[in-house]
Amino acid sequence: MSNLVIAAARNNRYGHEPTKMKQKSSAFGLGGMAGIDTKFVLFFLALEYGRAGYALSLDGIVMGISMIMILVLPYFLPSRYEMPSFSNWLVYRGIVAVAGVAAGIVLGQTTGVLLPEGAGFIPMTLLIMASIVSCYIQFYGLMKLRQAN
């Protein structure tokens, strides 16, 4: 009897299993648009980390921990897109982080020599703007109204 109740609770009024409308991931397994806003935050944070060049100071340790959190935690946020496997998520976001650190090192070396001194402030400015947009997108996704089943 309990199996019958559970099966009836799972079915909707038409007798079909409820379906979840998730969009498929892209052909490359990147998860479509899932987490694209946090990829920008990760890239600009890595850019600032590479530009500043302080890995063993307290600032560098806190920034490194923040990068690891932004690398991993957005995987667990609710999304309307089908998520790739966790290992693919880490690989592609790790590539974004390494590219950001490498670009930051190049930016740090060329600031004052090839680029004006003010170019050193661009990564942090873009990081703040990307963080504000990402925060808005995440809060909107968590609080938007959904139809009750």
C-alpha atoms as a PDB file:
ATOM      1  CA  MET A   1       0.000   0.000   0.000  1.00  0.00           C
ATOM      2  CA  SER A   2       2.789   2.439   0.826  1.00  0.00           C
ATOM      3  CA  ASN A   3       4.406   1.894  -2.595  1.00  0.00           C
ATOM      4  CA  LEU A   4       1.124   2.819  -4.223  1.00  0.00           C
ATOM      5  CA  VAL A   5       0.906   6.047  -2.219  1.00  0.00           C
ATOM      6  CA  ILE A   6       4.484   6.970  -3.095  1.00  0.00           C
ATOM      7  CA  ALA A   7       3.880   6.275  -6.795  1.00  0.00           C
ATOM      8  CA  ALA A   8       0.685   8.347  -6.730  1.00  0.00           C
ATOM      9  CA  ALA A   9       2.492  11.223  -5.041  1.00  0.00           C
ATOM     10  CA  ARG A  10       5.152  11.160  -7.759  1.00  0.00           C
ATOM     11  CA  ASN A  11       2.658  11.297 -10.616  1.00  0.00           C
ATOM     12  CA  ASN A  12       0.799  14.449 -11.542  1.00  0.00           C
ATOM     13  CA  ARG A  13      -2.945  14.536 -12.229  1.00  0.00           C
ATOM     14  CA  TYR A  14      -2.439  13.151 -15.751  1.00  0.00           C
ATOM     15  CA  GLY A  15      -0.578  10.079 -14.507  1.00  0.00           C
ATOM     16  CA  HIS A  16       2.816  11.089 -15.921  1.00  0.00           C
ATOM     17  CA  GLU A  17       6.088  11.526 -14.147  1.00  0.00           C
ATOM     18  CA  PRO A  18       6.855  15.202 -13.584  1.00  0.00           C
ATOM     19  CA  THR A  19       9.653  16.477 -15.778  1.00  0.00           C
ATOM     20  CA  LYS A  20      12.243  19.036 -14.902  1.00  0.00           C
ATOM     21  CA  MET A  21      12.945  21.573 -17.601  1.00  0.00           C
ATOM     22  CA  LYS A  22      16.722  21.739 -17.709  1.00  0.00           C
ATOM     23  CA  GLN A  23      18.597  23.039 -20.686  1.00  0.00           C
ATOM     24  CA  LYS A  24      21.277  20.786 -22.072  1.00  0.00           C
ATOM     25  CA  SER A  25      24.928  21.555 -21.657  1.00  0.00           C
ATOM     26  CA  SER A  26      26.957  22.698 -24.621  1.00  0.00           C
ATOM     27  CA  ALA A  27      28.751  20.371 -27.014  1.00  0.00           C
ATOM     28  CA  PHE A  28      32.009  20.860 -25.123  1.00  0.00           C
ATOM     29  CA  GLY A  29      30.492  19.847 -21.784  1.00  0.00           C
ATOM     30  CA  LEU A  30      31.018  23.309 -20.351  1.00  0.00           C
ATOM     31  CA  GLY A  31      27.560  23.449 -18.827  1.00  0.00           C
ATOM     32  CA  GLY A  32      26.138  25.938 -21.295  1.00  0.00           C
ATOM     33  CA  MET A  33      25.736  29.223 -19.480  1.00  0.00           C
ATOM     34  CA  ALA A  34      25.816  27.670 -16.004  1.00  0.00           C
ATOM     35  CA  GLY A  35      28.166  29.679 -13.842  1.00  0.00           C
ATOM     36  CA  ILE A  36      29.288  32.093 -16.554  1.00  0.00           C
ATOM     37  CA  ASP A  37      28.952  35.070 -14.219  1.00  0.00           C
ATOM     38  CA  THR A  38      31.162  33.464 -11.591  1.00  0.00           C
ATOM     39  CA  LYS A  39      33.716  32.602 -14.295  1.00  0.00           C
ATOM     40  CA  PHE A  40      34.201  36.324 -14.829  1.00  0.00           C
ATOM     41  CA  VAL A  41      34.611  36.871 -11.088  1.00  0.00           C
ATOM     42  CA  LEU A  42      37.115  34.003 -10.940  1.00  0.00           C
ATOM     43  CA  PHE A  43      39.081  35.354 -13.910  1.00  0.00           C
ATOM     44  CA  PHE A  44      39.317  38.907 -12.548  1.00  0.00           C
ATOM     45  CA  LEU A  45      40.215  37.656  -9.053  1.00  0.00           C
ATOM     46  CA  ALA A  46      42.970  35.503 -10.565  1.00  0.00           C
ATOM     47  CA  LEU A  47      44.082  38.479 -12.660  1.00  0.00           C
ATOM     48  CA  GLU A  48      44.423  40.618  -9.522  1.00  0.00           C
ATOM     49  CA  TYR A  49      46.182  37.776  -7.680  1.00  0.00           C
ATOM     50  CA  GLY A  50      48.735  37.405 -10.478  1.00  0.00           C
ATOM     51  CA  ARG A  51      49.212  41.159 -10.853  1.00  0.00           C
ATOM     52  CA  ALA A  52      49.838  41.747  -7.159  1.00  0.00           C
ATOM     53  CA  GLY A  53      52.357  38.910  -6.906  1.00  0.00           C
ATOM     54  CA  TYR A  54      52.060  38.256  -3.170  1.00  0.00           C
ATOM     55  CA  ALA A  55      51.356  34.570  -2.706  1.00  0.00           C
ATOM     56  CA  LEU A  56      52.723  34.035   0.799  1.00  0.00           C
ATOM     57  CA  SER A  57      51.411  37.134   2.561  1.00  0.00           C
ATOM     58  CA  LEU A  58      48.144  37.199   4.493  1.00  0.00           C
ATOM     59  CA  ASP A  59      46.477  39.049   1.610  1.00  0.00           C
ATOM     60  CA  GLY A  60      47.634  36.418  -0.861  1.00  0.00           C
ATOM     61  CA  ILE A  61      46.443  33.548   1.322  1.00  0.00           C
ATOM     62  CA  VAL A  62      42.979  35.082   1.740  1.00  0.00           C
ATOM     63  CA  MET A  63      42.771  35.798  -1.991  1.00  0.00           C
ATOM     64  CA  GLY A  64      43.871  32.224  -2.780  1.00  0.00           C
ATOM     65  CA  ILE A  65      41.205  30.770  -0.481  1.00  0.00           C
ATOM     66  CA  SER A  66      38.623  33.034  -2.140  1.00  0.00           C
ATOM     67  CA  MET A  67      39.724  31.795  -5.569  1.00  0.00           C
ATOM     68  CA  ILE A  68      39.323  28.172  -4.472  1.00  0.00           C
ATOM     69  CA  MET A  69      35.854  28.928  -3.123  1.00  0.00           C
ATOM     70  CA  ILE A  70      34.793  30.662  -6.348  1.00  0.00           C
ATOM     71  CA  LEU A  71      36.279  27.761  -8.303  1.00  0.00           C
ATOM     72  CA  VAL A  72      34.272  25.073  -6.478  1.00  0.00           C
ATOM     73  CA  LEU A  73      31.158  26.442  -4.755  1.00  0.00           C
ATOM     74  CA  PRO A  74      29.137  27.796  -7.742  1.00  0.00           C
ATOM     75  CA  TYR A  75      28.746  24.183  -8.883  1.00  0.00           C
ATOM     76  CA  PHE A  76      26.307  23.674  -6.007  1.00  0.00           C
ATOM     77  CA  LEU A  77      24.148  26.742  -6.733  1.00  0.00           C
ATOM     78  CA  PRO A  78      20.728  26.092  -8.258  1.00  0.00           C
ATOM     79  CA  SER A  79      20.727  26.485 -12.017  1.00  0.00           C
ATOM     80  CA  ARG A  80      18.285  25.983 -14.833  1.00  0.00           C
ATOM     81  CA  TYR A  81      21.070  24.450 -16.920  1.00  0.00           C
ATOM     82  CA  GLU A  82      22.223  20.866 -16.810  1.00  0.00           C
ATOM     83  CA  MET A  83      25.532  20.826 -14.963  1.00  0.00           C
ATOM     84  CA  PRO A  84      28.585  18.980 -16.313  1.00  0.00           C
ATOM     85  CA  SER A  85      30.357  16.438 -14.146  1.00  0.00           C
ATOM     86  CA  PHE A  86      32.233  17.872 -11.186  1.00  0.00           C
ATOM     87  CA  SER A  87      35.625  16.936 -12.638  1.00  0.00           C
ATOM     88  CA  ASN A  88      34.869  18.741 -15.927  1.00  0.00           C
ATOM     89  CA  TRP A  89      33.660  21.746 -13.923  1.00  0.00           C
ATOM     90  CA  LEU A  90      36.950  21.888 -11.999  1.00  0.00           C
ATOM     91  CA  VAL A  91      39.107  21.415 -15.101  1.00  0.00           C
ATOM     92  CA  TYR A  92      37.489  24.193 -17.136  1.00  0.00           C
ATOM     93  CA  ARG A  93      37.290  26.610 -14.224  1.00  0.00           C
ATOM     94  CA  GLY A  94      40.884  25.742 -13.321  1.00  0.00           C
ATOM     95  CA  ILE A  95      41.890  26.707 -16.867  1.00  0.00           C
ATOM     96  CA  VAL A  96      40.114  30.050 -16.385  1.00  0.00           C
ATOM     97  CA  ALA A  97      41.952  30.606 -13.077  1.00  0.00           C
ATOM     98  CA  VAL A  98      45.375  29.709 -14.502  1.00  0.00           C
ATOM     99  CA  ALA A  99      44.770  31.950 -17.530  1.00  0.00           C
ATOM    100  CA  GLY A 100      43.819  34.788 -15.174  1.00  0.00           C
ATOM    101  CA  VAL A 101      46.924  34.352 -13.023  1.00  0.00           C
ATOM    102  CA  ALA A 102      49.148  34.207 -16.129  1.00  0.00           C
ATOM    103  CA  ALA A 103      47.539  37.339 -17.585  1.00  0.00           C
ATOM    104  CA  GLY A 104      47.923  39.038 -14.202  1.00  0.00           C
ATOM    105  CA  ILE A 105      51.627  38.228 -14.059  1.00  0.00           C
ATOM    106  CA  VAL A 106      52.067  39.664 -17.562  1.00  0.00           C
ATOM    107  CA  LEU A 107      50.049  42.759 -16.575  1.00  0.00           C
ATOM    108  CA  GLY A 108      52.133  43.192 -13.420  1.00  0.00           C
ATOM    109  CA  GLN A 109      55.377  42.987 -15.386  1.00  0.00           C
ATOM    110  CA  THR A 110      54.286  45.446 -18.070  1.00  0.00           C
ATOM    111  CA  THR A 111      52.629  48.043 -15.793  1.00  0.00           C
ATOM    112  CA  GLY A 112      54.887  51.067 -15.625  1.00  0.00           C
ATOM    113  CA  VAL A 113      57.063  49.821 -18.481  1.00  0.00           C
ATOM    114  CA  LEU A 114      54.773  49.253 -21.422  1.00  0.00           C
ATOM    115  CA  LEU A 115      51.452  50.288 -19.868  1.00  0.00           C
ATOM    116  CA  PRO A 116      50.746  53.353 -17.723  1.00  0.00           C
ATOM    117  CA  GLU A 117      50.693  52.978 -13.916  1.00  0.00           C
ATOM    118  CA  GLY A 118      46.910  53.337 -13.866  1.00  0.00           C
ATOM    119  CA  ALA A 119      46.526  50.049 -15.730  1.00  0.00           C
ATOM    120  CA  GLY A 120      47.324  48.252 -12.476  1.00  0.00           C
ATOM    121  CA  PHE A 121      43.939  49.265 -11.055  1.00  0.00           C
ATOM    122  CA  ILE A 122      41.901  47.801 -13.927  1.00  0.00           C
ATOM    123  CA  PRO A 123      41.701  44.186 -12.603  1.00  0.00           C
ATOM    124  CA  MET A 124      40.289  45.216  -9.214  1.00  0.00           C
ATOM    125  CA  THR A 125      37.809  47.606 -10.842  1.00  0.00           C
ATOM    126  CA  LEU A 126      36.567  44.884 -13.185  1.00  0.00           C
ATOM    127  CA  LEU A 127      36.488  42.395 -10.286  1.00  0.00           C
ATOM    128  CA  ILE A 128      34.215  44.682  -8.277  1.00  0.00           C
ATOM    129  CA  MET A 129      31.870  45.237 -11.224  1.00  0.00           C
ATOM    130  CA  ALA A 130      31.734  41.513 -12.073  1.00  0.00           C
ATOM    131  CA  SER A 131      31.087  40.652  -8.417  1.00  0.00           C
ATOM    132  CA  ILE A 132      28.179  43.084  -8.190  1.00  0.00           C
ATOM    133  CA  VAL A 133      26.587  41.673 -11.350  1.00  0.00           C
ATOM    134  CA  SER A 134      27.172  38.079 -10.222  1.00  0.00           C
ATOM    135  CA  CYS A 135      25.698  38.799  -6.797  1.00  0.00           C
ATOM    136  CA  TYR A 136      22.596  40.283  -8.414  1.00  0.00           C
ATOM    137  CA  ILE A 137      22.203  37.288 -10.740  1.00  0.00           C
ATOM    138  CA  GLN A 138      22.603  34.768  -7.905  1.00  0.00           C
ATOM    139  CA  PHE A 139      20.143  36.548  -5.590  1.00  0.00           C
ATOM    140  CA  TYR A 140      17.637  36.875  -8.420  1.00  0.00           C
ATOM    141  CA  GLY A 141      17.951  33.172  -9.178  1.00  0.00           C
ATOM    142  CA  LEU A 142      17.402  32.250  -5.548  1.00  0.00           C
ATOM    143  CA  MET A 143      14.479  34.571  -4.896  1.00  0.00           C
ATOM    144  CA  LYS A 144      12.513  34.598  -8.145  1.00  0.00           C
ATOM    145  CA  LEU A 145       9.001  33.280  -7.933  1.00  0.00           C
ATOM    146  CA  ARG A 146       8.404  29.739  -9.123  1.00  0.00           C
ATOM    147  CA  GLN A 147       5.132  28.030  -9.758  1.00  0.00           C
ATOM    148  CA  ALA A 148       4.159  25.672  -6.957  1.00  0.00           C
ATOM    149  CA  ASN A 149       3.522  22.034  -7.857  1.00  0.00           C
END
